[in-house]
């Protein structure tokens, strides 16, 4: 079998240099491409970064791979440790599961690749990746990352970073080929992977890497955000710090000396969408709960038209926010024509669409004055409204990187919040139109009290991981504390709704909006790389 390099030099299997890759024709169904990054050899020259940019035409400001450096120890016993950072080519890739259109996919040979033609720019893959390896290309607005230079591997060539590395610190090959150098390194020498607790089974292995570089919380962040080469400038609320002042896990003093800026993928539009979706769900659920409790008649104006109308209006706003947040908003239809059903973006989109249809049916039944029709529609609309309220918990859970969102309380909490804001919105509408019902104020007070209890349950206990703990710290003491405590205070004021009416209702709506923004942003505030 013959192979060739970039210069079209041909050589046989026996004369190939260690670490070179076999031709794609040699691969079989058992092929598993992996990389070993030998940090005992890495000199931090960044040649891999520049070669990758040149080969893959990566724009300035984003990078598929870069070399992070950490200064370890104290003078005079100090050294600089490097870590080559890139996509980990996971066997169980969270980005593939979260992608709603299959734009992120795993090839039979183990490479996680991407298809920009069907990317809608939802950033679900970015939120899901535990390694912060995916970015939105600012020129074509699609998600991309390291893909092992798959186009080169398919031609029998080595990836650009392997070719250019002067220290031969990057080795690529087939893990299932016992004669390959990567197989020997992985199976016969100590290697590590990043964040093994996420159970993604990475295909990138590190040899001789310092813990302070592998662990994103293992090194302190320089005061003022200054690094060895340049200052990163003032940090925006969405920019994720390179380290954390309370996240020091290394046995020796360590401080980040070079890193790249990372931003939280989901901004205020996602925070706002969770709020409008809560109102859309709760505006139907709240009066239905009163009807089922015997406190409100099926024929009441509150249930017959006010609830469904408010819910439908806010559902339209929710859909608009979701589409607006896409980097390719005109491709939103791909969610329906080529759905990847494991993604909760797809499932949620279907739930919202079905719920919208149920609300239209509820308005028609109410206009016809048919109680029987309203009861039948309620049988369908009730589970759809509950699913529309709670599915975000499962969407956030697919963001496996974000430990704060891995909470079993989140789904029921979202349901409670939906009832709270739904009752608030209808109370304001009812006061304005003269159809207000005291039961709404009572429901609002009860759900507001339960909301405060659940917030305490999420924020106060000792959290199972450092990432979850630091996210809570950012929420209650850090950059998002103003939103959190404002939301908490307004939520407490909402308990007075049976007596204060519109004041309590307005407080509930604003309080939940503030709380959701703090929660969504704090969950993304802890560094992953």
Protein backbone atom coordinates (compact mmCIF):
# COMPACT_ATOMS: atom_id res chain seq x y z
CA UNK A 1 0.00 0.00 0.00
CA UNK A 2 1.37 3.40 -1.01
CA UNK A 3 0.79 6.77 0.67
CA UNK A 4 1.71 10.35 -0.15
CA UNK A 5 2.41 13.53 1.76
CA UNK A 6 1.77 17.20 0.91
CA UNK A 7 4.66 17.19 -1.57
CA UNK A 8 3.28 14.11 -3.37
CA UNK A 9 6.21 12.06 -2.10
CA UNK A 10 5.20 8.39 -2.19
CA UNK A 11 6.37 5.86 0.38
CA UNK A 12 5.30 2.47 1.64
CA UNK A 13 3.82 1.42 4.94
CA UNK A 14 7.19 0.24 6.22
CA UNK A 15 8.87 3.59 5.51
CA UNK A 16 6.21 5.90 6.90
CA UNK A 17 7.39 8.15 9.68
CA UNK A 18 5.88 7.60 13.15
CA UNK A 19 2.57 9.31 13.58
CA UNK A 20 1.73 9.60 9.87
CA UNK A 21 -1.77 8.60 8.82
CA UNK A 22 -2.89 5.76 6.57
CA UNK A 23 -4.84 6.37 3.40
CA UNK A 24 -8.63 6.46 3.66
CA UNK A 25 -8.75 3.36 1.43
CA UNK A 26 -7.02 1.44 4.21
CA UNK A 27 -9.71 2.38 6.72
CA UNK A 28 -12.45 -0.09 7.56
CA UNK A 29 -15.58 0.12 9.65
CA UNK A 30 -13.54 -0.22 12.84
CA UNK A 31 -11.42 2.88 12.18
CA UNK A 32 -11.31 5.36 15.08
CA UNK A 33 -9.30 8.48 14.33
CA UNK A 34 -7.80 9.99 17.50
CA UNK A 35 -5.10 12.47 18.44
CA UNK A 36 -2.44 12.44 21.10
CA UNK A 37 -1.19 15.87 22.16
CA UNK A 38 2.20 15.35 23.76
CA UNK A 39 2.56 18.30 26.12
CA UNK A 40 6.03 17.13 27.14
CA UNK A 41 7.13 18.17 23.65
CA UNK A 42 4.92 21.24 23.05
CA UNK A 43 6.94 24.49 23.02
CA UNK A 44 3.94 26.83 22.79
CA UNK A 45 4.87 28.20 19.38
CA UNK A 46 1.24 28.40 18.14
CA UNK A 47 2.28 27.00 14.76
CA UNK A 48 -0.70 24.62 14.93
CA UNK A 49 -3.06 27.55 15.39
CA UNK A 50 -1.75 29.47 12.38
CA UNK A 51 -1.56 26.36 10.18
CA UNK A 52 -5.15 25.52 11.06
CA UNK A 53 -6.29 29.05 10.25
CA UNK A 54 -4.53 28.96 6.90
CA UNK A 55 -5.69 25.48 5.90
CA UNK A 56 -9.32 25.99 6.93
CA UNK A 57 -9.62 29.74 6.23
CA UNK A 58 -10.58 30.52 9.82
CA UNK A 59 -11.27 34.27 10.26
CA UNK A 60 -9.49 36.54 12.71
CA UNK A 61 -11.09 36.57 16.14
CA UNK A 62 -12.05 32.89 16.26
CA UNK A 63 -9.97 29.73 16.28
CA UNK A 64 -10.39 26.00 15.83
CA UNK A 65 -7.34 25.31 17.94
CA UNK A 66 -5.11 27.37 20.19
CA UNK A 67 -2.40 26.87 22.80
CA UNK A 68 -3.38 27.82 26.33
CA UNK A 69 -0.54 28.50 28.77
CA UNK A 70 -0.45 28.50 32.57
CA UNK A 71 2.38 29.67 34.80
CA UNK A 72 2.80 27.04 37.53
CA UNK A 73 4.67 27.47 40.81
CA UNK A 74 6.27 30.48 42.46
CA UNK A 75 9.60 32.15 41.85
CA UNK A 76 12.22 30.75 41.59
CA UNK A 77 10.49 27.35 41.16
CA UNK A 78 8.19 28.39 38.32
CA UNK A 79 7.52 27.04 34.86
CA UNK A 80 5.09 27.56 32.00
CA UNK A 81 2.79 24.69 31.06
CA UNK A 82 1.01 24.47 27.71
CA UNK A 83 -2.19 22.82 26.56
CA UNK A 84 -3.29 22.49 22.94
CA UNK A 85 -7.04 23.15 23.04
CA UNK A 86 -9.48 21.94 20.39
CA UNK A 87 -12.53 19.76 19.71
CA UNK A 88 -12.26 16.45 21.56
CA UNK A 89 -13.96 14.32 18.86
CA UNK A 90 -16.17 12.62 21.42
CA UNK A 91 -17.48 9.09 20.99
CA UNK A 92 -20.68 10.28 22.68
CA UNK A 93 -20.74 13.83 21.33
CA UNK A 94 -23.19 16.18 23.11
CA UNK A 95 -23.08 18.59 20.17
CA UNK A 96 -24.39 15.90 17.81
CA UNK A 97 -27.26 15.07 20.14
CA UNK A 98 -28.20 18.74 20.63
CA UNK A 99 -27.98 19.85 16.98
CA UNK A 100 -31.56 20.16 15.68
CA UNK A 101 -30.80 19.65 11.97
CA UNK A 102 -27.94 17.15 11.98
CA UNK A 103 -25.45 19.83 10.93
CA UNK A 104 -23.14 18.34 13.56
CA UNK A 105 -22.70 14.66 12.87
CA UNK A 106 -20.33 11.81 13.68
CA UNK A 107 -18.68 9.98 10.82
CA UNK A 108 -18.22 6.19 10.88
CA UNK A 109 -14.49 6.71 11.46
CA UNK A 110 -15.14 8.62 14.71
CA UNK A 111 -14.61 12.18 13.42
CA UNK A 112 -17.27 14.66 14.53
CA UNK A 113 -17.77 16.82 11.45
CA UNK A 114 -20.19 19.56 10.44
CA UNK A 115 -22.26 20.60 7.44
CA UNK A 116 -22.59 24.37 7.19
CA UNK A 117 -25.30 24.11 4.54
CA UNK A 118 -27.86 22.97 7.10
CA UNK A 119 -26.64 24.88 10.17
CA UNK A 120 -29.32 27.29 11.46
CA UNK A 121 -26.98 28.99 13.93
CA UNK A 122 -28.98 28.09 17.04
CA UNK A 123 -25.78 27.65 19.12
CA UNK A 124 -27.17 24.55 20.84
CA UNK A 125 -23.95 22.72 19.95
CA UNK A 126 -21.91 25.47 21.62
CA UNK A 127 -23.99 25.25 24.79
CA UNK A 128 -23.70 21.46 24.80
CA UNK A 129 -19.94 21.18 24.27
CA UNK A 130 -18.12 20.55 27.59
CA UNK A 131 -14.86 21.77 26.05
CA UNK A 132 -15.91 25.14 24.58
CA UNK A 133 -14.54 24.01 21.24
CA UNK A 134 -17.28 25.26 18.90
CA UNK A 135 -17.76 28.80 17.62
CA UNK A 136 -19.87 30.72 15.14
CA UNK A 137 -17.86 31.78 12.12
CA UNK A 138 -18.36 35.57 11.87
CA UNK A 139 -18.22 35.47 8.08
CA UNK A 140 -20.69 32.71 7.21
CA UNK A 141 -22.56 32.67 10.56
CA UNK A 142 -22.39 28.86 10.86
CA UNK A 143 -20.96 26.70 13.62
CA UNK A 144 -17.56 25.16 13.12
CA UNK A 145 -14.69 23.58 15.02
CA UNK A 146 -11.70 21.29 14.55
CA UNK A 147 -12.63 18.28 12.43
CA UNK A 148 -9.17 16.67 12.28
CA UNK A 149 -8.80 18.21 8.78
CA UNK A 150 -11.08 15.41 7.57
CA UNK A 151 -10.70 16.55 3.97
CA UNK A 152 -6.97 15.88 4.24
CA UNK A 153 -7.36 12.54 6.00
CA UNK A 154 -9.68 11.40 3.23
CA UNK A 155 -6.86 12.08 0.75
CA UNK A 156 -4.27 10.22 2.83
CA UNK A 157 -2.69 13.44 4.15
CA UNK A 158 -1.93 14.44 7.70
CA UNK A 159 -3.87 17.29 9.34
CA UNK A 160 -2.27 20.71 8.90
CA UNK A 161 -1.34 21.00 12.58
CA UNK A 162 0.51 17.67 12.50
CA UNK A 163 2.50 18.67 9.41
CA UNK A 164 3.61 22.02 10.83
CA UNK A 165 4.38 21.10 14.45
CA UNK A 166 8.19 21.51 14.83
CA UNK A 167 8.35 19.35 17.95
CA UNK A 168 6.17 16.49 16.61
CA UNK A 169 3.92 17.04 19.63
CA UNK A 170 0.74 16.16 17.71
CA UNK A 171 0.16 12.57 16.66
CA UNK A 172 -2.90 11.38 14.74
CA UNK A 173 -3.86 7.87 13.76
CA UNK A 174 -6.24 4.95 14.07
CA UNK A 175 -6.71 3.89 17.68
CA UNK A 176 -7.88 0.45 16.52
CA UNK A 177 -4.73 -0.16 14.49
CA UNK A 178 -2.28 -1.88 16.87
CA UNK A 179 0.66 -0.81 14.68
CA UNK A 180 -0.15 2.91 14.88
CA UNK A 181 1.81 5.26 17.09
CA UNK A 182 -1.33 6.68 18.69
CA UNK A 183 -2.42 3.21 19.77
CA UNK A 184 0.96 2.65 21.38
CA UNK A 185 0.86 6.02 23.16
CA UNK A 186 -2.69 5.65 24.42
CA UNK A 187 -2.43 2.02 25.48
CA UNK A 188 1.13 1.92 26.83
CA UNK A 189 1.80 5.33 28.34
CA UNK A 190 -0.03 7.52 30.85
CA UNK A 191 -2.47 9.81 29.04
CA UNK A 192 -5.35 11.97 30.22
CA UNK A 193 -8.51 13.44 28.75
CA UNK A 194 -10.28 16.68 29.57
CA UNK A 195 -13.32 16.56 31.85
CA UNK A 196 -13.74 12.76 31.99
CA UNK A 197 -16.70 13.22 34.37
CA UNK A 198 -18.80 14.30 31.38
CA UNK A 199 -18.51 10.74 29.99
CA UNK A 200 -18.19 11.84 26.37
CA UNK A 201 -15.32 9.40 25.68
CA UNK A 202 -13.01 11.95 23.98
CA UNK A 203 -10.84 11.09 21.02
CA UNK A 204 -8.12 13.58 22.01
CA UNK A 205 -5.60 12.41 24.58
CA UNK A 206 -3.02 14.45 26.49
CA UNK A 207 0.39 13.12 27.42
CA UNK A 208 2.28 14.89 30.19
CA UNK A 209 -0.25 17.72 30.57
CA UNK A 210 -0.37 19.64 33.83
CA UNK A 211 -3.67 19.46 35.75
CA UNK A 212 -3.77 23.25 35.95
CA UNK A 213 -4.11 23.39 32.15
CA UNK A 214 -6.57 20.51 31.71
CA UNK A 215 -8.91 21.68 34.46
CA UNK A 216 -10.54 24.99 33.45
CA UNK A 217 -10.78 25.88 37.15
CA UNK A 218 -7.27 24.70 37.97
CA UNK A 219 -5.56 28.06 37.61
CA UNK A 220 -6.33 31.52 38.92
CA UNK A 221 -7.35 34.41 36.69
CA UNK A 222 -5.03 37.42 36.59
CA UNK A 223 -6.45 40.53 38.22
CA UNK A 224 -7.95 42.87 35.66
CA UNK A 225 -7.96 40.18 32.96
CA UNK A 226 -4.36 40.85 31.86
CA UNK A 227 -2.41 38.09 30.15
CA UNK A 228 1.16 37.54 29.10
CA UNK A 229 0.81 38.87 25.57
CA UNK A 230 -1.91 41.50 25.82
CA UNK A 231 -4.80 42.72 27.92
CA UNK A 232 -8.15 41.26 26.97
CA UNK A 233 -9.88 44.54 27.76
CA UNK A 234 -13.03 45.02 29.81
CA UNK A 235 -15.21 41.92 29.92
CA UNK A 236 -18.76 42.03 28.67
CA UNK A 237 -21.45 40.27 30.74
CA UNK A 238 -21.45 37.44 28.20
CA UNK A 239 -17.67 36.93 28.15
CA UNK A 240 -16.53 33.92 30.12
CA UNK A 241 -13.42 34.37 32.24
CA UNK A 242 -10.35 32.29 31.50
CA UNK A 243 -10.14 31.17 35.10
CA UNK A 244 -11.86 31.85 38.37
CA UNK A 245 -10.47 33.53 41.47
CA UNK A 246 -11.99 30.84 43.70
CA UNK A 247 -11.46 27.92 41.37
CA UNK A 248 -7.87 26.97 42.24
CA UNK A 249 -7.60 23.16 42.25
CA UNK A 250 -3.90 22.64 41.62
CA UNK A 251 -1.52 21.50 44.33
CA UNK A 252 0.89 24.24 43.22
CA UNK A 253 0.23 27.91 42.57
CA UNK A 254 -0.99 28.39 39.00
CA UNK A 255 -2.12 31.40 37.01
CA UNK A 256 -3.41 31.58 33.43
CA UNK A 257 -0.90 33.44 31.27
CA UNK A 258 -2.49 33.03 27.85
CA UNK A 259 -5.99 32.13 26.80
CA UNK A 260 -8.55 33.27 24.24
CA UNK A 261 -11.82 35.05 24.93
CA UNK A 262 -14.98 32.95 25.14
CA UNK A 263 -18.55 34.19 25.10
CA UNK A 264 -21.69 32.57 26.44
CA UNK A 265 -23.61 31.26 23.42
CA UNK A 266 -27.09 32.25 24.61
CA UNK A 267 -27.73 35.90 25.46
CA UNK A 268 -30.67 38.01 26.56
CA UNK A 269 -32.98 36.81 23.79
CA UNK A 270 -32.89 33.28 25.20
CA UNK A 271 -33.49 34.64 28.71
CA UNK A 272 -36.45 36.60 27.37
CA UNK A 273 -37.81 33.65 25.39
CA UNK A 274 -38.01 31.52 28.56
CA UNK A 275 -40.07 34.32 30.12
CA UNK A 276 -42.50 34.84 27.22
CA UNK A 277 -42.89 31.07 26.85
CA UNK A 278 -43.73 30.83 30.54
CA UNK A 279 -46.49 33.42 30.13
CA UNK A 280 -47.77 31.67 27.00
CA UNK A 281 -48.03 28.38 28.89
CA UNK A 282 -49.34 29.77 32.15
CA UNK A 283 -51.98 32.04 30.62
CA UNK A 284 -53.90 28.90 29.63
CA UNK A 285 -52.86 26.68 32.55
CA UNK A 286 -53.78 29.20 35.28
CA UNK A 287 -57.50 29.66 34.40
CA UNK A 288 -57.77 25.96 33.56
CA UNK A 289 -56.47 25.14 37.05
CA UNK A 290 -59.19 27.39 38.52
CA UNK A 291 -61.82 25.70 36.34
CA UNK A 292 -60.71 22.23 37.41
CA UNK A 293 -60.69 23.38 41.05
CA UNK A 294 -64.30 24.49 40.69
CA UNK A 295 -63.52 28.17 41.25
CA UNK A 296 -64.17 29.31 37.68
CA UNK A 297 -66.83 28.36 35.13
CA UNK A 298 -66.00 26.92 31.71
CA UNK A 299 -68.10 29.70 30.22
CA UNK A 300 -66.24 32.52 31.99
CA UNK A 301 -64.65 35.15 29.75
CA UNK A 302 -61.35 34.62 31.56
CA UNK A 303 -61.12 31.02 30.40
CA UNK A 304 -63.14 31.29 27.19
CA UNK A 305 -61.12 34.00 25.43
CA UNK A 306 -58.72 35.95 27.68
CA UNK A 307 -56.48 33.02 28.61
CA UNK A 308 -56.14 31.51 25.11
CA UNK A 309 -55.74 34.94 23.48
CA UNK A 310 -52.95 36.06 25.84
CA UNK A 311 -51.27 32.66 25.53
CA UNK A 312 -51.39 32.71 21.73
CA UNK A 313 -50.06 36.26 21.53
CA UNK A 314 -47.10 35.44 23.79
CA UNK A 315 -46.49 32.21 21.91
CA UNK A 316 -46.09 34.21 18.71
CA UNK A 317 -43.61 36.49 20.50
CA UNK A 318 -41.76 33.40 21.76
CA UNK A 319 -41.45 32.00 18.24
CA UNK A 320 -40.21 35.35 16.96
CA UNK A 321 -37.53 35.49 19.67
CA UNK A 322 -36.38 31.96 18.87
CA UNK A 323 -36.06 32.75 15.16
CA UNK A 324 -34.42 36.12 15.90
CA UNK A 325 -31.73 34.42 17.98
CA UNK A 326 -30.70 32.16 15.09
CA UNK A 327 -27.62 33.17 13.12
CA UNK A 328 -29.46 31.88 10.03
CA UNK A 329 -33.04 32.93 10.82
CA UNK A 330 -34.27 32.19 7.28
CA UNK A 331 -33.32 28.54 7.76
CA UNK A 332 -35.66 28.00 10.72
CA UNK A 333 -37.88 25.80 8.53
CA UNK A 334 -35.15 23.15 8.60
CA UNK A 335 -36.29 22.32 12.14
CA UNK A 336 -39.38 20.80 10.55
CA UNK A 337 -38.14 19.42 7.22
CA UNK A 338 -34.96 17.70 8.46
CA UNK A 339 -35.39 17.29 12.22
CA UNK A 340 -32.85 15.48 14.36
CA UNK A 341 -35.28 14.06 16.89
CA UNK A 342 -32.89 13.67 19.81
CA UNK A 343 -32.58 17.46 19.97
CA UNK A 344 -34.93 19.15 22.42
CA UNK A 345 -34.92 22.19 20.15
CA UNK A 346 -36.81 20.06 17.63
CA UNK A 347 -39.07 18.50 20.23
CA UNK A 348 -39.73 21.89 21.78
CA UNK A 349 -40.48 23.44 18.39
CA UNK A 350 -43.02 20.71 17.69
CA UNK A 351 -44.54 21.14 21.17
CA UNK A 352 -44.91 24.90 20.70
CA UNK A 353 -46.46 24.46 17.25
CA UNK A 354 -48.94 21.85 18.53
CA UNK A 355 -49.75 24.04 21.53
CA UNK A 356 -50.42 26.98 19.22
CA UNK A 357 -52.86 24.85 17.24
CA UNK A 358 -54.58 23.82 20.49
CA UNK A 359 -54.94 27.46 21.54
CA UNK A 360 -56.58 28.33 18.21
CA UNK A 361 -58.97 25.42 18.76
CA UNK A 362 -59.66 26.68 22.30
CA UNK A 363 -60.53 30.14 20.98
CA UNK A 364 -62.85 28.61 18.37
CA UNK A 365 -64.56 26.44 21.01
CA UNK A 366 -64.95 29.47 23.26
CA UNK A 367 -66.37 31.58 20.46
CA UNK A 368 -68.87 28.82 19.69
CA UNK A 369 -69.91 28.75 23.35
CA UNK A 370 -69.61 24.97 23.47
CA UNK A 371 -68.55 23.73 26.89
CA UNK A 372 -68.19 20.20 25.53
CA UNK A 373 -65.79 21.38 22.85
CA UNK A 374 -63.82 23.36 25.43
CA UNK A 375 -63.47 20.25 27.60
CA UNK A 376 -62.24 18.18 24.67
CA UNK A 377 -59.73 20.85 23.62
CA UNK A 378 -58.55 21.19 27.23
CA UNK A 379 -57.72 17.48 27.24
CA UNK A 380 -55.22 18.09 24.47
CA UNK A 381 -54.08 21.58 25.43
CA UNK A 382 -53.27 20.78 29.08
CA UNK A 383 -50.33 18.40 28.41
CA UNK A 384 -49.13 20.54 25.51
CA UNK A 385 -49.11 23.66 27.69
CA UNK A 386 -47.22 21.81 30.42
CA UNK A 387 -44.70 20.48 27.87
CA UNK A 388 -44.26 23.95 26.36
CA UNK A 389 -43.50 25.29 29.84
CA UNK A 390 -41.13 22.52 30.93
CA UNK A 391 -39.26 21.37 27.81
CA UNK A 392 -36.58 24.04 28.30
CA UNK A 393 -35.40 22.03 31.31
CA UNK A 394 -34.56 19.13 28.98
CA UNK A 395 -33.07 21.48 26.39
CA UNK A 396 -30.80 22.92 29.08
CA UNK A 397 -29.98 19.42 30.34
CA UNK A 398 -28.63 18.61 26.86
CA UNK A 399 -26.12 21.41 27.48
CA UNK A 400 -24.03 18.85 29.32
CA UNK A 401 -21.30 21.41 29.90
CA UNK A 402 -23.49 23.62 32.12
CA UNK A 403 -23.65 21.99 35.54
CA UNK A 404 -26.09 24.51 37.02
CA UNK A 405 -28.74 23.38 34.53
CA UNK A 406 -28.42 19.69 35.42
CA UNK A 407 -31.09 20.00 38.09
CA UNK A 408 -34.03 17.68 38.64
CA UNK A 409 -35.89 20.67 40.11
CA UNK A 410 -35.77 22.65 36.87
CA UNK A 411 -38.77 21.13 35.05
CA UNK A 412 -41.21 21.47 37.99
CA UNK A 413 -39.79 24.91 38.73
CA UNK A 414 -40.52 26.05 35.19
CA UNK A 415 -44.11 24.82 35.58
CA UNK A 416 -44.49 26.78 38.81
CA UNK A 417 -43.04 29.89 37.17
CA UNK A 418 -45.41 29.47 34.21
CA UNK A 419 -48.45 29.37 36.50
CA UNK A 420 -47.06 32.38 38.36
CA UNK A 421 -46.52 34.62 35.32
CA UNK A 422 -49.62 33.32 33.56
CA UNK A 423 -51.79 34.24 36.53
CA UNK A 424 -50.02 37.62 36.71
CA UNK A 425 -50.64 38.45 33.05
CA UNK A 426 -54.31 37.45 33.26
CA UNK A 427 -54.75 39.38 36.48
CA UNK A 428 -53.53 42.54 34.75
CA UNK A 429 -55.73 41.84 31.72
CA UNK A 430 -58.67 41.09 33.99
CA UNK A 431 -58.24 44.31 35.95
CA UNK A 432 -58.04 46.27 32.70
CA UNK A 433 -61.14 44.64 31.18
CA UNK A 434 -63.21 44.15 34.31
CA UNK A 435 -63.13 40.35 34.25
CA UNK A 436 -60.56 39.80 37.03
CA UNK A 437 -61.11 36.89 39.39
CA UNK A 438 -59.84 36.69 42.97
CA UNK A 439 -58.68 33.14 42.33
CA UNK A 440 -55.92 34.45 40.07
CA UNK A 441 -54.45 36.51 42.91
CA UNK A 442 -54.60 33.52 45.23
CA UNK A 443 -52.96 31.27 42.63
CA UNK A 444 -50.29 33.91 42.05
CA UNK A 445 -49.53 34.19 45.77
CA UNK A 446 -49.29 30.41 46.20
CA UNK A 447 -47.01 29.91 43.19
CA UNK A 448 -44.86 32.90 44.17
CA UNK A 449 -44.27 31.37 47.60
CA UNK A 450 -43.46 28.00 46.03
CA UNK A 451 -41.12 29.71 43.56
CA UNK A 452 -39.15 31.29 46.42
CA UNK A 453 -38.86 27.93 48.16
CA UNK A 454 -37.57 26.30 44.96
CA UNK A 455 -35.07 29.12 44.37
CA UNK A 456 -33.73 28.50 47.87
CA UNK A 457 -33.55 24.79 47.09
CA UNK A 458 -31.51 25.45 43.96
CA UNK A 459 -29.18 28.09 45.41
CA UNK A 460 -28.53 27.18 49.04
CA UNK A 461 -27.41 23.52 49.28
CA UNK A 462 -23.86 22.41 48.64
CA UNK A 463 -23.64 21.61 44.96
CA UNK A 464 -22.20 18.33 43.64
CA UNK A 465 -19.64 19.98 41.35
CA UNK A 466 -17.37 22.99 41.48
CA UNK A 467 -18.85 24.24 38.21
CA UNK A 468 -22.38 24.28 39.63
CA UNK A 469 -21.15 25.97 42.80
CA UNK A 470 -19.32 28.69 40.88
CA UNK A 471 -22.34 29.28 38.63
CA UNK A 472 -24.47 29.86 41.74
CA UNK A 473 -21.77 32.20 43.06
CA UNK A 474 -21.96 34.20 39.83
CA UNK A 475 -25.74 34.30 40.18
CA UNK A 476 -26.04 35.37 43.81
CA UNK A 477 -22.76 37.27 44.38
CA UNK A 478 -21.20 37.89 40.97
CA UNK A 479 -22.10 39.63 37.73
CA UNK A 480 -25.77 38.62 37.79
CA UNK A 481 -26.46 39.24 41.46
CA UNK A 482 -28.43 42.44 40.76
CA UNK A 483 -30.86 40.51 38.54
CA UNK A 484 -31.10 37.62 41.03
CA UNK A 485 -31.81 39.69 44.15
CA UNK A 486 -34.16 42.03 42.26
CA UNK A 487 -36.07 39.00 41.07
CA UNK A 488 -36.16 37.56 44.56
CA UNK A 489 -37.46 40.80 46.09
CA UNK A 490 -40.13 41.23 43.45
CA UNK A 491 -41.10 37.58 43.82
CA UNK A 492 -41.62 38.13 47.52
CA UNK A 493 -43.77 41.18 46.75
CA UNK A 494 -45.89 39.04 44.42
CA UNK A 495 -47.17 37.07 47.42
CA UNK A 496 -49.24 40.15 48.27
CA UNK A 497 -51.19 39.91 44.99
CA UNK A 498 -54.56 38.96 46.59
CA UNK A 499 -54.48 42.35 48.32
CA UNK A 500 -52.34 44.53 46.04
CA UNK A 501 -53.73 43.28 42.71
CA UNK A 502 -51.92 44.91 39.80
CA UNK A 503 -48.87 45.78 41.93
CA UNK A 504 -48.33 42.16 42.92
CA UNK A 505 -48.95 40.96 39.35
CA UNK A 506 -46.48 43.43 37.84
CA UNK A 507 -43.92 42.51 40.51
CA UNK A 508 -44.29 38.83 39.62
CA UNK A 509 -43.78 39.41 35.89
CA UNK A 510 -40.72 41.60 36.37
CA UNK A 511 -39.31 39.38 39.12
CA UNK A 512 -39.48 36.21 37.03
CA UNK A 513 -37.94 38.03 34.06
CA UNK A 514 -35.00 39.12 36.22
CA UNK A 515 -34.60 35.68 37.80
CA UNK A 516 -34.63 33.89 34.45
CA UNK A 517 -31.97 36.19 33.04
CA UNK A 518 -29.72 35.63 36.08
CA UNK A 519 -30.22 31.86 35.90
CA UNK A 520 -29.66 31.50 32.14
CA UNK A 521 -26.55 33.69 32.07
CA UNK A 522 -24.98 32.39 35.30
CA UNK A 523 -25.26 28.85 33.97
CA UNK A 524 -22.94 29.86 31.13
CA UNK A 525 -20.54 31.97 33.20
CA UNK A 526 -18.11 29.26 34.33
CA UNK A 527 -15.10 28.62 32.05
CA UNK A 528 -14.93 25.31 30.20
CA UNK A 529 -11.52 25.53 28.52
